[in-house]
Amino acid sequence: MVDKKQLEDFYKENLEEDIIDEISKLKGIELRNACDIYYSSKLAEQISNDSFGIENMDAKYLAEDLIENEPEFFINRKKND
């Protein structure tokens, strides 16, 4: 039987994958670049630390929030860069 911690970790991994996918789609960039952006962001740290319960929010909303609140990751980035 899966314990609660394993289930939470599995859910977070899937959420992170979905956020990265949404960043890639919304900004038209490659997945590896979206992955670098996500794991360099405050959002990734907050999700890792279970801050504010944001791990329970929708991946698309969180990706849009990252794009809006951490624009420095997207300055001078070309689509599919």
N, C-alpha and C. Protein backbone atom coordinates (compact mmCIF):
# COMPACT_ATOMS: atom_id res chain seq x y z
N MET A 1 0.83 -1.18 0.00
CA MET A 1 0.00 0.00 0.00
C MET A 1 0.88 1.25 0.00
N VAL A 2 0.46 2.25 -0.74
CA VAL A 2 1.22 3.49 -0.86
C VAL A 2 0.90 4.39 0.33
N ASP A 3 1.95 4.93 0.95
CA ASP A 3 1.68 5.82 2.06
C ASP A 3 1.45 7.25 1.57
N LYS A 4 0.99 8.09 2.46
CA LYS A 4 0.62 9.47 2.11
C LYS A 4 1.79 10.25 1.52
N LYS A 5 2.97 10.11 2.10
CA LYS A 5 4.16 10.84 1.63
C LYS A 5 4.50 10.45 0.19
N GLN A 6 4.46 9.16 -0.12
CA GLN A 6 4.75 8.70 -1.48
C GLN A 6 3.73 9.27 -2.46
N LEU A 7 2.48 9.28 -2.06
CA LEU A 7 1.42 9.80 -2.91
C LEU A 7 1.60 11.30 -3.16
N GLU A 8 1.95 12.05 -2.12
CA GLU A 8 2.19 13.49 -2.26
C GLU A 8 3.37 13.75 -3.19
N ASP A 9 4.44 12.98 -3.04
CA ASP A 9 5.62 13.14 -3.90
C ASP A 9 5.27 12.84 -5.35
N PHE A 10 4.50 11.80 -5.58
CA PHE A 10 4.07 11.45 -6.93
C PHE A 10 3.22 12.57 -7.53
N TYR A 11 2.32 13.12 -6.75
CA TYR A 11 1.46 14.21 -7.21
C TYR A 11 2.31 15.43 -7.57
N LYS A 12 3.28 15.78 -6.73
CA LYS A 12 4.14 16.93 -7.00
C LYS A 12 4.94 16.74 -8.28
N GLU A 13 5.47 15.53 -8.49
CA GLU A 13 6.23 15.26 -9.71
C GLU A 13 5.35 15.47 -10.95
N ASN A 14 4.13 14.97 -10.90
CA ASN A 14 3.22 15.15 -12.03
C ASN A 14 2.86 16.62 -12.21
N LEU A 15 2.65 17.33 -11.12
CA LEU A 15 2.33 18.75 -11.20
C LEU A 15 3.49 19.51 -11.84
N GLU A 16 4.71 19.21 -11.42
CA GLU A 16 5.87 19.89 -11.99
C GLU A 16 6.00 19.61 -13.48
N GLU A 17 5.78 18.38 -13.89
CA GLU A 17 5.82 18.05 -15.32
C GLU A 17 4.75 18.83 -16.08
N ASP A 18 3.57 18.94 -15.52
CA ASP A 18 2.48 19.67 -16.17
C ASP A 18 2.78 21.16 -16.26
N ILE A 19 3.38 21.73 -15.22
CA ILE A 19 3.74 23.15 -15.23
C ILE A 19 4.78 23.41 -16.31
N ILE A 20 5.79 22.56 -16.39
CA ILE A 20 6.84 22.70 -17.41
C ILE A 20 6.23 22.62 -18.81
N ASP A 21 5.34 21.69 -19.00
CA ASP A 21 4.65 21.54 -20.29
C ASP A 21 3.86 22.80 -20.63
N GLU A 22 3.16 23.36 -19.65
CA GLU A 22 2.38 24.58 -19.88
C GLU A 22 3.28 25.77 -20.20
N ILE A 23 4.39 25.91 -19.50
CA ILE A 23 5.34 27.00 -19.80
C ILE A 23 5.82 26.88 -21.24
N SER A 24 6.17 25.67 -21.64
CA SER A 24 6.63 25.43 -23.00
C SER A 24 5.58 25.83 -24.02
N LYS A 25 4.35 25.43 -23.79
CA LYS A 25 3.25 25.76 -24.71
C LYS A 25 2.95 27.25 -24.73
N LEU A 26 2.83 27.85 -23.55
CA LEU A 26 2.44 29.26 -23.47
C LEU A 26 3.49 30.19 -24.06
N LYS A 27 4.75 29.86 -23.88
CA LYS A 27 5.83 30.73 -24.37
C LYS A 27 6.45 30.25 -25.67
N GLY A 28 6.04 29.08 -26.16
CA GLY A 28 6.57 28.56 -27.42
C GLY A 28 8.05 28.25 -27.34
N ILE A 29 8.48 27.70 -26.21
CA ILE A 29 9.90 27.36 -26.04
C ILE A 29 10.03 25.85 -25.86
N GLU A 30 11.24 25.36 -26.04
CA GLU A 30 11.50 23.93 -25.91
C GLU A 30 11.31 23.49 -24.46
N LEU A 31 10.95 22.23 -24.31
CA LEU A 31 10.72 21.68 -22.97
C LEU A 31 11.95 21.81 -22.07
N ARG A 32 13.13 21.59 -22.62
CA ARG A 32 14.33 21.66 -21.77
C ARG A 32 14.55 23.08 -21.24
N ASN A 33 14.20 24.10 -22.06
CA ASN A 33 14.31 25.47 -21.59
C ASN A 33 13.24 25.78 -20.55
N ALA A 34 12.04 25.27 -20.78
CA ALA A 34 10.96 25.45 -19.81
C ALA A 34 11.33 24.77 -18.49
N CYS A 35 11.98 23.63 -18.58
CA CYS A 35 12.42 22.89 -17.39
C CYS A 35 13.46 23.71 -16.61
N ASP A 36 14.43 24.27 -17.32
CA ASP A 36 15.44 25.11 -16.67
C ASP A 36 14.80 26.30 -15.97
N ILE A 37 13.85 26.93 -16.65
CA ILE A 37 13.15 28.08 -16.07
C ILE A 37 12.41 27.67 -14.81
N TYR A 38 11.64 26.60 -14.92
CA TYR A 38 10.84 26.17 -13.77
C TYR A 38 11.72 25.88 -12.57
N TYR A 39 12.77 25.08 -12.74
CA TYR A 39 13.59 24.69 -11.60
C TYR A 39 14.47 25.82 -11.07
N SER A 40 14.54 26.94 -11.80
CA SER A 40 15.25 28.13 -11.32
C SER A 40 14.30 29.12 -10.65
N SER A 41 13.02 28.83 -10.69
CA SER A 41 12.01 29.79 -10.23
C SER A 41 11.70 29.68 -8.74
N LYS A 42 11.10 30.76 -8.24
CA LYS A 42 10.60 30.77 -6.87
C LYS A 42 9.45 29.78 -6.73
N LEU A 43 8.68 29.63 -7.80
CA LEU A 43 7.54 28.71 -7.77
C LEU A 43 8.00 27.29 -7.45
N ALA A 44 9.06 26.82 -8.08
CA ALA A 44 9.57 25.47 -7.81
C ALA A 44 9.96 25.31 -6.35
N GLU A 45 10.59 26.34 -5.81
CA GLU A 45 10.98 26.31 -4.40
C GLU A 45 9.75 26.27 -3.50
N GLN A 46 8.74 27.06 -3.85
CA GLN A 46 7.52 27.09 -3.04
C GLN A 46 6.80 25.75 -3.07
N ILE A 47 6.74 25.13 -4.23
CA ILE A 47 6.08 23.83 -4.34
C ILE A 47 6.88 22.78 -3.56
N SER A 48 8.18 22.83 -3.66
CA SER A 48 9.05 21.90 -2.95
C SER A 48 8.86 22.01 -1.44
N ASN A 49 8.65 23.25 -0.97
CA ASN A 49 8.51 23.50 0.47
C ASN A 49 7.07 23.45 0.95
N ASP A 50 6.15 23.09 0.08
CA ASP A 50 4.72 23.06 0.42
C ASP A 50 4.22 24.41 0.91
N SER A 51 4.74 25.49 0.34
CA SER A 51 4.35 26.83 0.76
C SER A 51 2.98 27.21 0.25
N PHE A 52 2.18 27.76 1.10
CA PHE A 52 0.89 28.37 0.75
C PHE A 52 -0.11 27.40 0.14
N GLY A 53 0.15 26.12 0.15
CA GLY A 53 -0.78 25.15 -0.44
C GLY A 53 -0.88 25.24 -1.95
N ILE A 54 0.11 25.89 -2.59
CA ILE A 54 0.02 26.08 -4.04
C ILE A 54 0.15 24.79 -4.83
N GLU A 55 0.65 23.74 -4.19
CA GLU A 55 0.75 22.47 -4.90
C GLU A 55 -0.62 21.89 -5.22
N ASN A 56 -1.66 22.50 -4.66
CA ASN A 56 -3.03 22.05 -4.93
C ASN A 56 -3.70 22.83 -6.06
N MET A 57 -3.00 23.80 -6.63
CA MET A 57 -3.56 24.62 -7.70
C MET A 57 -3.33 23.98 -9.06
N ASP A 58 -4.05 24.49 -10.04
CA ASP A 58 -3.97 24.00 -11.42
C ASP A 58 -2.63 24.35 -12.05
N ALA A 59 -2.07 23.42 -12.81
CA ALA A 59 -0.76 23.61 -13.44
C ALA A 59 -0.75 24.79 -14.39
N LYS A 60 -1.80 24.96 -15.18
CA LYS A 60 -1.84 26.08 -16.13
C LYS A 60 -1.84 27.41 -15.39
N TYR A 61 -2.63 27.50 -14.33
CA TYR A 61 -2.67 28.72 -13.53
C TYR A 61 -1.28 29.01 -12.96
N LEU A 62 -0.62 28.00 -12.43
CA LEU A 62 0.71 28.19 -11.84
C LEU A 62 1.73 28.60 -12.89
N ALA A 63 1.65 28.02 -14.09
CA ALA A 63 2.56 28.40 -15.18
C ALA A 63 2.33 29.86 -15.57
N GLU A 64 1.07 30.26 -15.69
CA GLU A 64 0.75 31.65 -16.03
C GLU A 64 1.25 32.59 -14.93
N ASP A 65 1.10 32.18 -13.69
CA ASP A 65 1.57 32.98 -12.56
C ASP A 65 3.08 33.14 -12.60
N LEU A 66 3.80 32.09 -12.90
CA LEU A 66 5.26 32.17 -13.01
C LEU A 66 5.65 33.15 -14.12
N ILE A 67 5.00 33.04 -15.27
CA ILE A 67 5.30 33.91 -16.40
C ILE A 67 5.05 35.37 -16.03
N GLU A 68 3.97 35.62 -15.32
CA GLU A 68 3.61 36.99 -14.94
C GLU A 68 4.51 37.55 -13.84
N ASN A 69 4.83 36.74 -12.86
CA ASN A 69 5.55 37.23 -11.68
C ASN A 69 7.06 37.05 -11.71
N GLU A 70 7.55 36.30 -12.68
CA GLU A 70 9.00 36.13 -12.82
C GLU A 70 9.40 36.36 -14.29
N PRO A 71 9.09 37.56 -14.82
CA PRO A 71 9.32 37.83 -16.24
C PRO A 71 10.79 37.82 -16.64
N GLU A 72 11.68 37.96 -15.68
CA GLU A 72 13.11 37.98 -15.99
C GLU A 72 13.58 36.70 -16.69
N PHE A 73 12.85 35.62 -16.51
CA PHE A 73 13.21 34.36 -17.17
C PHE A 73 12.90 34.38 -18.67
N PHE A 74 12.08 35.33 -19.10
CA PHE A 74 11.61 35.32 -20.48
C PHE A 74 12.12 36.49 -21.31
N ILE A 75 12.90 37.36 -20.70
CA ILE A 75 13.48 38.49 -21.42
C ILE A 75 14.53 37.97 -22.39
N ASN A 76 14.49 38.46 -23.61
CA ASN A 76 15.43 38.09 -24.67
C ASN A 76 15.38 36.61 -25.04
N ARG A 77 14.29 35.94 -24.76
CA ARG A 77 14.13 34.54 -25.16
C ARG A 77 13.27 34.49 -26.40
N LYS A 78 13.77 33.81 -27.41
CA LYS A 78 13.01 33.64 -28.64
C LYS A 78 12.19 32.37 -28.54
N LYS A 79 11.12 32.32 -29.32
CA LYS A 79 10.32 31.10 -29.36
C LYS A 79 11.20 29.96 -29.87
N ASN A 80 10.99 28.79 -29.27
CA ASN A 80 11.77 27.58 -29.58
C ASN A 80 13.26 27.80 -29.42
N ASP A 81 13.62 28.66 -28.49
CA ASP A 81 15.03 28.95 -28.20
C ASP A 81 15.60 27.88 -27.30
